[in-house]
Amino acid sequence: MASKRNNMIPNGHFHKVWQRFVKTWFIQPMRKKRRHVNRVKKARLVATRPAKGAIRPIVHYPSFRYNTNQRLVRGVSLE
């Protein structure tokens, strides 16, 4: 009896369909190329446009506490 138990492989589940659990990355190079092409297209579309909306000047906050920060303001007066 002991010899039969020694010949067995414990927890040997060999009838599973292992191909279902294998992940492949064959689409990765094409996905990389497609993303690159889309980025280039988008960059060409955006690059030819002028600035969106009004161009606003950058000014510093007036108080001593915040004068290192910058903000966008509405516009510049004629004076």
PDB file of N, CA and C in Angstrom:
ATOM      1  N   MET A   1       0.810  -1.196   0.000  1.00  0.00           N
ATOM      2  CA  MET A   1       0.000   0.000   0.000  1.00  0.00           C
ATOM      3  C   MET A   1       0.855   1.262   0.000  1.00  0.00           C
ATOM      4  N   ALA A   2       1.938   1.243   0.749  1.00  0.00           N
ATOM      5  CA  ALA A   2       2.781   2.432   0.855  1.00  0.00           C
ATOM      6  C   ALA A   2       3.454   2.751  -0.473  1.00  0.00           C
ATOM      7  N   SER A   3       3.774   1.733  -1.268  1.00  0.00           N
ATOM      8  CA  SER A   3       4.460   1.988  -2.526  1.00  0.00           C
ATOM      9  C   SER A   3       3.551   2.676  -3.534  1.00  0.00           C
ATOM     10  N   LYS A   4       2.259   2.380  -3.519  1.00  0.00           N
ATOM     11  CA  LYS A   4       1.341   3.051  -4.434  1.00  0.00           C
ATOM     12  C   LYS A   4       1.191   4.526  -4.079  1.00  0.00           C
ATOM     13  N   ARG A   5       1.190   4.845  -2.806  1.00  0.00           N
ATOM     14  CA  ARG A   5       1.057   6.237  -2.407  1.00  0.00           C
ATOM     15  C   ARG A   5       2.300   7.046  -2.772  1.00  0.00           C
ATOM     16  N   ASN A   6       3.446   6.457  -2.764  1.00  0.00           N
ATOM     17  CA  ASN A   6       4.662   7.189  -3.102  1.00  0.00           C
ATOM     18  C   ASN A   6       4.763   7.493  -4.592  1.00  0.00           C
ATOM     19  N   ASN A   7       4.108   6.728  -5.426  1.00  0.00           N
ATOM     20  CA  ASN A   7       4.166   6.952  -6.865  1.00  0.00           C
ATOM     21  C   ASN A   7       3.209   8.040  -7.329  1.00  0.00           C
ATOM     22  N   MET A   8       2.279   8.443  -6.497  1.00  0.00           N
ATOM     23  CA  MET A   8       1.301   9.454  -6.905  1.00  0.00           C
ATOM     24  C   MET A   8       1.908  10.854  -6.807  1.00  0.00           C
ATOM     25  N   ILE A   9       1.469  11.726  -7.690  1.00  0.00           N
ATOM     26  CA  ILE A   9       1.880  13.129  -7.645  1.00  0.00           C
ATOM     27  C   ILE A   9       0.772  13.892  -6.931  1.00  0.00           C
ATOM     28  N   PRO A  10       1.056  14.550  -5.818  1.00  0.00           N
ATOM     29  CA  PRO A  10      -0.008  15.241  -5.087  1.00  0.00           C
ATOM     30  C   PRO A  10      -0.483  16.477  -5.839  1.00  0.00           C
ATOM     31  N   ASN A  11      -1.764  16.682  -5.792  1.00  0.00           N
ATOM     32  CA  ASN A  11      -2.407  17.869  -6.382  1.00  0.00           C
ATOM     33  C   ASN A  11      -2.047  18.036  -7.857  1.00  0.00           C
ATOM     34  N   GLY A  12      -2.010  16.983  -8.588  1.00  0.00           N
ATOM     35  CA  GLY A  12      -1.688  17.092 -10.006  1.00  0.00           C
ATOM     36  C   GLY A  12      -2.943  17.257 -10.838  1.00  0.00           C
ATOM     37  N   HIS A  13      -3.298  18.467 -11.162  1.00  0.00           N
ATOM     38  CA  HIS A  13      -4.498  18.741 -11.961  1.00  0.00           C
ATOM     39  C   HIS A  13      -4.060  18.963 -13.404  1.00  0.00           C
ATOM     40  N   PHE A  14      -3.959  17.905 -14.163  1.00  0.00           N
ATOM     41  CA  PHE A  14      -3.375  17.987 -15.502  1.00  0.00           C
ATOM     42  C   PHE A  14      -4.396  18.112 -16.610  1.00  0.00           C
ATOM     43  N   HIS A  15      -5.680  18.110 -16.291  1.00  0.00           N
ATOM     44  CA  HIS A  15      -6.683  18.133 -17.354  1.00  0.00           C
ATOM     45  C   HIS A  15      -7.265  19.518 -17.595  1.00  0.00           C
ATOM     46  N   LYS A  16      -6.669  20.529 -16.995  1.00  0.00           N
ATOM     47  CA  LYS A  16      -7.172  21.877 -17.232  1.00  0.00           C
ATOM     48  C   LYS A  16      -6.743  22.348 -18.624  1.00  0.00           C
ATOM     49  N   VAL A  17      -7.569  23.237 -19.196  1.00  0.00           N
ATOM     50  CA  VAL A  17      -7.228  23.817 -20.497  1.00  0.00           C
ATOM     51  C   VAL A  17      -6.369  25.045 -20.213  1.00  0.00           C
ATOM     52  N   TRP A  18      -5.049  24.876 -20.246  1.00  0.00           N
ATOM     53  CA  TRP A  18      -4.142  25.946 -19.831  1.00  0.00           C
ATOM     54  C   TRP A  18      -4.091  27.081 -20.841  1.00  0.00           C
ATOM     55  N   GLN A  19      -4.519  26.836 -22.085  1.00  0.00           N
ATOM     56  CA  GLN A  19      -4.456  27.891 -23.101  1.00  0.00           C
ATOM     57  C   GLN A  19      -5.392  29.057 -22.775  1.00  0.00           C
ATOM     58  N   ARG A  20      -6.433  28.808 -21.981  1.00  0.00           N
ATOM     59  CA  ARG A  20      -7.347  29.894 -21.626  1.00  0.00           C
ATOM     60  C   ARG A  20      -6.685  30.905 -20.699  1.00  0.00           C
ATOM     61  N   PHE A  21      -5.711  30.471 -19.908  1.00  0.00           N
ATOM     62  CA  PHE A  21      -5.131  31.322 -18.887  1.00  0.00           C
ATOM     63  C   PHE A  21      -3.837  31.996 -19.342  1.00  0.00           C
ATOM     64  N   VAL A  22      -3.405  31.744 -20.557  1.00  0.00           N
ATOM     65  CA  VAL A  22      -2.164  32.325 -21.057  1.00  0.00           C
ATOM     66  C   VAL A  22      -2.480  33.663 -21.700  1.00  0.00           C
ATOM     67  N   LYS A  23      -1.765  34.706 -21.275  1.00  0.00           N
ATOM     68  CA  LYS A  23      -1.942  36.040 -21.842  1.00  0.00           C
ATOM     69  C   LYS A  23      -0.815  36.294 -22.843  1.00  0.00           C
ATOM     70  N   THR A  24      -1.165  36.784 -24.019  1.00  0.00           N
ATOM     71  CA  THR A  24      -0.157  37.113 -25.026  1.00  0.00           C
ATOM     72  C   THR A  24      -0.176  38.610 -25.292  1.00  0.00           C
ATOM     73  N   TRP A  25       0.942  39.140 -25.742  1.00  0.00           N
ATOM     74  CA  TRP A  25       1.090  40.566 -26.001  1.00  0.00           C
ATOM     75  C   TRP A  25       1.513  40.802 -27.451  1.00  0.00           C
ATOM     76  N   PHE A  26       0.988  40.021 -28.376  1.00  0.00           N
ATOM     77  CA  PHE A  26       1.372  40.185 -29.777  1.00  0.00           C
ATOM     78  C   PHE A  26       0.836  41.478 -30.374  1.00  0.00           C
ATOM     79  N   ILE A  27      -0.199  42.061 -29.766  1.00  0.00           N
ATOM     80  CA  ILE A  27      -0.783  43.290 -30.306  1.00  0.00           C
ATOM     81  C   ILE A  27      -0.024  44.529 -29.826  1.00  0.00           C
ATOM     82  N   GLN A  28       0.907  44.356 -28.893  1.00  0.00           N
ATOM     83  CA  GLN A  28       1.586  45.500 -28.276  1.00  0.00           C
ATOM     84  C   GLN A  28       2.337  46.383 -29.285  1.00  0.00           C
ATOM     85  N   PRO A  29       3.138  45.857 -30.215  1.00  0.00           N
ATOM     86  CA  PRO A  29       3.853  46.736 -31.144  1.00  0.00           C
ATOM     87  C   PRO A  29       2.920  47.546 -32.033  1.00  0.00           C
ATOM     88  N   MET A  30       1.828  46.928 -32.488  1.00  0.00           N
ATOM     89  CA  MET A  30       0.890  47.657 -33.344  1.00  0.00           C
ATOM     90  C   MET A  30       0.149  48.720 -32.554  1.00  0.00           C
ATOM     91  N   ARG A  31      -0.168  48.409 -31.301  1.00  0.00           N
ATOM     92  CA  ARG A  31      -0.835  49.391 -30.447  1.00  0.00           C
ATOM     93  C   ARG A  31       0.072  50.604 -30.228  1.00  0.00           C
ATOM     94  N   LYS A  32       1.366  50.350 -30.030  1.00  0.00           N
ATOM     95  CA  LYS A  32       2.342  51.432 -29.855  1.00  0.00           C
ATOM     96  C   LYS A  32       2.405  52.308 -31.102  1.00  0.00           C
ATOM     97  N   LYS A  33       2.427  51.676 -32.266  1.00  0.00           N
ATOM     98  CA  LYS A  33       2.491  52.425 -33.517  1.00  0.00           C
ATOM     99  C   LYS A  33       1.230  53.253 -33.723  1.00  0.00           C
ATOM    100  N   ARG A  34       0.068  52.667 -33.402  1.00  0.00           N
ATOM    101  CA  ARG A  34      -1.196  53.370 -33.575  1.00  0.00           C
ATOM    102  C   ARG A  34      -1.288  54.580 -32.652  1.00  0.00           C
ATOM    103  N   ARG A  35      -0.829  54.432 -31.416  1.00  0.00           N
ATOM    104  CA  ARG A  35      -0.835  55.567 -30.487  1.00  0.00           C
ATOM    105  C   ARG A  35       0.095  56.677 -30.967  1.00  0.00           C
ATOM    106  N   HIS A  36       1.259  56.287 -31.492  1.00  0.00           N
ATOM    107  CA  HIS A  36       2.209  57.275 -31.993  1.00  0.00           C
ATOM    108  C   HIS A  36       1.617  58.048 -33.168  1.00  0.00           C
ATOM    109  N   VAL A  37       0.990  57.340 -34.102  1.00  0.00           N
ATOM    110  CA  VAL A  37       0.386  57.996 -35.275  1.00  0.00           C
ATOM    111  C   VAL A  37      -0.711  58.953 -34.832  1.00  0.00           C
ATOM    112  N   ASN A  38      -1.531  58.531 -33.871  1.00  0.00           N
ATOM    113  CA  ASN A  38      -2.600  59.402 -33.391  1.00  0.00           C
ATOM    114  C   ASN A  38      -2.050  60.635 -32.688  1.00  0.00           C
ATOM    115  N   ARG A  39      -0.953  60.478 -31.926  1.00  0.00           N
ATOM    116  CA  ARG A  39      -0.333  61.629 -31.275  1.00  0.00           C
ATOM    117  C   ARG A  39       0.193  62.627 -32.296  1.00  0.00           C
ATOM    118  N   VAL A  40       0.815  62.122 -33.348  1.00  0.00           N
ATOM    119  CA  VAL A  40       1.351  63.008 -34.386  1.00  0.00           C
ATOM    120  C   VAL A  40       0.224  63.742 -35.092  1.00  0.00           C
ATOM    121  N   LYS A  41      -0.872  63.057 -35.404  1.00  0.00           N
ATOM    122  CA  LYS A  41      -2.026  63.700 -36.047  1.00  0.00           C
ATOM    123  C   LYS A  41      -2.588  64.810 -35.167  1.00  0.00           C
ATOM    124  N   LYS A  42      -2.758  64.504 -33.882  1.00  0.00           N
ATOM    125  CA  LYS A  42      -3.321  65.485 -32.965  1.00  0.00           C
ATOM    126  C   LYS A  42      -2.399  66.687 -32.824  1.00  0.00           C
ATOM    127  N   ALA A  43      -1.095  66.456 -32.769  1.00  0.00           N
ATOM    128  CA  ALA A  43      -0.142  67.558 -32.646  1.00  0.00           C
ATOM    129  C   ALA A  43      -0.190  68.453 -33.871  1.00  0.00           C
ATOM    130  N   ARG A  44      -0.364  67.873 -35.042  1.00  0.00           N
ATOM    131  CA  ARG A  44      -0.450  68.689 -36.266  1.00  0.00           C
ATOM    132  C   ARG A  44      -1.718  69.524 -36.280  1.00  0.00           C
ATOM    133  N   LEU A  45      -2.817  68.953 -35.787  1.00  0.00           N
ATOM    134  CA  LEU A  45      -4.061  69.717 -35.750  1.00  0.00           C
ATOM    135  C   LEU A  45      -3.979  70.882 -34.769  1.00  0.00           C
ATOM    136  N   VAL A  46      -3.415  70.643 -33.612  1.00  0.00           N
ATOM    137  CA  VAL A  46      -3.378  71.661 -32.571  1.00  0.00           C
ATOM    138  C   VAL A  46      -2.348  72.732 -32.891  1.00  0.00           C
ATOM    139  N   ALA A  47      -1.261  72.384 -33.532  1.00  0.00           N
ATOM    140  CA  ALA A  47      -0.153  73.317 -33.737  1.00  0.00           C
ATOM    141  C   ALA A  47      -0.510  74.466 -34.666  1.00  0.00           C
ATOM    142  N   THR A  48      -1.423  74.259 -35.580  1.00  0.00           N
ATOM    143  CA  THR A  48      -1.712  75.312 -36.552  1.00  0.00           C
ATOM    144  C   THR A  48      -2.724  76.323 -36.038  1.00  0.00           C
ATOM    145  N   ARG A  49      -3.364  76.057 -34.915  1.00  0.00           N
ATOM    146  CA  ARG A  49      -4.381  76.965 -34.403  1.00  0.00           C
ATOM    147  C   ARG A  49      -3.752  78.107 -33.611  1.00  0.00           C
ATOM    148  N   PRO A  50      -4.417  79.268 -33.621  1.00  0.00           N
ATOM    149  CA  PRO A  50      -3.974  80.320 -32.705  1.00  0.00           C
ATOM    150  C   PRO A  50      -4.419  79.969 -31.278  1.00  0.00           C
ATOM    151  N   ALA A  51      -4.053  80.821 -30.347  1.00  0.00           N
ATOM    152  CA  ALA A  51      -4.426  80.564 -28.953  1.00  0.00           C
ATOM    153  C   ALA A  51      -5.941  80.563 -28.812  1.00  0.00           C
ATOM    154  N   LYS A  52      -6.441  79.650 -28.007  1.00  0.00           N
ATOM    155  CA  LYS A  52      -7.888  79.530 -27.825  1.00  0.00           C
ATOM    156  C   LYS A  52      -8.362  80.615 -26.865  1.00  0.00           C
ATOM    157  N   GLY A  53      -9.309  81.425 -27.295  1.00  0.00           N
ATOM    158  CA  GLY A  53      -9.829  82.485 -26.443  1.00  0.00           C
ATOM    159  C   GLY A  53      -8.931  83.714 -26.460  1.00  0.00           C
ATOM    160  N   ALA A  54      -9.233  84.618 -25.547  1.00  0.00           N
ATOM    161  CA  ALA A  54      -8.464  85.861 -25.468  1.00  0.00           C
ATOM    162  C   ALA A  54      -7.090  85.592 -24.863  1.00  0.00           C
ATOM    163  N   ILE A  55      -6.119  86.341 -25.339  1.00  0.00           N
ATOM    164  CA  ILE A  55      -4.776  86.232 -24.779  1.00  0.00           C
ATOM    165  C   ILE A  55      -4.732  87.103 -23.531  1.00  0.00           C
ATOM    166  N   ARG A  56      -4.434  86.511 -22.396  1.00  0.00           N
ATOM    167  CA  ARG A  56      -4.492  87.219 -21.127  1.00  0.00           C
ATOM    168  C   ARG A  56      -3.084  87.454 -20.581  1.00  0.00           C
ATOM    169  N   PRO A  57      -2.826  88.641 -20.059  1.00  0.00           N
ATOM    170  CA  PRO A  57      -1.504  88.909 -19.489  1.00  0.00           C
ATOM    171  C   PRO A  57      -1.341  88.221 -18.131  1.00  0.00           C
ATOM    172  N   ILE A  58      -0.112  87.879 -17.817  1.00  0.00           N
ATOM    173  CA  ILE A  58       0.214  87.263 -16.529  1.00  0.00           C
ATOM    174  C   ILE A  58       0.710  88.362 -15.604  1.00  0.00           C
ATOM    175  N   VAL A  59       0.097  88.462 -14.432  1.00  0.00           N
ATOM    176  CA  VAL A  59       0.496  89.479 -13.452  1.00  0.00           C
ATOM    177  C   VAL A  59       0.736  88.801 -12.111  1.00  0.00           C
ATOM    178  N   HIS A  60       1.377  89.526 -11.204  1.00  0.00           N
ATOM    179  CA  HIS A  60       1.602  89.037  -9.856  1.00  0.00           C
ATOM    180  C   HIS A  60       0.506  89.555  -8.943  1.00  0.00           C
ATOM    181  N   TYR A  61       0.221  88.812  -7.891  1.00  0.00           N
ATOM    182  CA  TYR A  61      -0.734  89.265  -6.891  1.00  0.00           C
ATOM    183  C   TYR A  61      -0.184  90.515  -6.197  1.00  0.00           C
ATOM    184  N   PRO A  62      -1.066  91.445  -5.778  1.00  0.00           N
ATOM    185  CA  PRO A  62      -0.566  92.703  -5.217  1.00  0.00           C
ATOM    186  C   PRO A  62      -0.051  92.607  -3.779  1.00  0.00           C
ATOM    187  N   SER A  63      -0.563  91.704  -2.985  1.00  0.00           N
ATOM    188  CA  SER A  63      -0.175  91.696  -1.571  1.00  0.00           C
ATOM    189  C   SER A  63       1.223  91.091  -1.391  1.00  0.00           C
ATOM    190  N   PHE A  64       1.843  91.459  -0.299  1.00  0.00           N
ATOM    191  CA  PHE A  64       3.203  90.975  -0.020  1.00  0.00           C
ATOM    192  C   PHE A  64       3.223  89.468   0.181  1.00  0.00           C
ATOM    193  N   ARG A  65       2.148  88.944   0.741  1.00  0.00           N
ATOM    194  CA  ARG A  65       2.098  87.509   1.036  1.00  0.00           C
ATOM    195  C   ARG A  65       2.074  86.664  -0.236  1.00  0.00           C
ATOM    196  N   TYR A  66       1.344  87.104  -1.241  1.00  0.00           N
ATOM    197  CA  TYR A  66       1.144  86.293  -2.441  1.00  0.00           C
ATOM    198  C   TYR A  66       1.854  86.836  -3.673  1.00  0.00           C
ATOM    199  N   ASN A  67       2.738  87.816  -3.536  1.00  0.00           N
ATOM    200  CA  ASN A  67       3.282  88.444  -4.740  1.00  0.00           C
ATOM    201  C   ASN A  67       4.266  87.556  -5.497  1.00  0.00           C
ATOM    202  N   THR A  68       4.580  86.380  -4.958  1.00  0.00           N
ATOM    203  CA  THR A  68       5.394  85.451  -5.735  1.00  0.00           C
ATOM    204  C   THR A  68       4.538  84.620  -6.686  1.00  0.00           C
ATOM    205  N   ASN A  69       3.223  84.584  -6.460  1.00  0.00           N
ATOM    206  CA  ASN A  69       2.323  83.825  -7.333  1.00  0.00           C
ATOM    207  C   ASN A  69       1.953  84.641  -8.557  1.00  0.00           C
ATOM    208  N   GLN A  70       1.590  83.926  -9.605  1.00  0.00           N
ATOM    209  CA  GLN A  70       1.167  84.591 -10.830  1.00  0.00           C
ATOM    210  C   GLN A  70      -0.261  84.190 -11.147  1.00  0.00           C
ATOM    211  N   ARG A  71      -0.970  85.075 -11.852  1.00  0.00           N
ATOM    212  CA  ARG A  71      -2.340  84.763 -12.244  1.00  0.00           C
ATOM    213  C   ARG A  71      -2.634  85.411 -13.585  1.00  0.00           C
ATOM    214  N   LEU A  72      -3.679  84.932 -14.215  1.00  0.00           N
ATOM    215  CA  LEU A  72      -4.144  85.534 -15.467  1.00  0.00           C
ATOM    216  C   LEU A  72      -5.184  86.577 -15.155  1.00  0.00           C
ATOM    217  N   VAL A  73      -5.135  87.731 -15.841  1.00  0.00           N
ATOM    218  CA  VAL A  73      -6.105  88.787 -15.606  1.00  0.00           C
ATOM    219  C   VAL A  73      -6.955  88.963 -16.849  1.00  0.00           C
ATOM    220  N   ARG A  74      -7.981  89.819 -16.734  1.00  0.00           N
ATOM    221  CA  ARG A  74      -8.952  89.936 -17.805  1.00  0.00           C
ATOM    222  C   ARG A  74      -8.372  90.578 -19.062  1.00  0.00           C
ATOM    223  N   GLY A  75      -7.697  91.631 -18.909  1.00  0.00           N
ATOM    224  CA  GLY A  75      -7.191  92.310 -20.084  1.00  0.00           C
ATOM    225  C   GLY A  75      -6.365  93.522 -19.707  1.00  0.00           C
ATOM    226  N   VAL A  76      -5.988  94.266 -20.689  1.00  0.00           N
ATOM    227  CA  VAL A  76      -5.155  95.443 -20.476  1.00  0.00           C
ATOM    228  C   VAL A  76      -5.955  96.659 -20.902  1.00  0.00           C
ATOM    229  N   SER A  77      -5.930  97.700 -20.095  1.00  0.00           N
ATOM    230  CA  SER A  77      -6.668  98.933 -20.457  1.00  0.00           C
ATOM    231  C   SER A  77      -5.882  99.681 -21.532  1.00  0.00           C
ATOM    232  N   LEU A  78      -6.560 100.614 -22.155  1.00  0.00           N
ATOM    233  CA  LEU A  78      -5.928 101.378 -23.234  1.00  0.00           C
ATOM    234  C   LEU A  78      -4.818 102.275 -22.735  1.00  0.00           C
ATOM    235  N   GLU A  79      -4.917 102.740 -21.469  1.00  0.00           N
ATOM    236  CA  GLU A  79      -3.852 103.577 -20.923  1.00  0.00           C
ATOM    237  C   GLU A  79      -2.612 102.747 -20.774  1.00  0.00           C
TER     238      GLU A  79
END
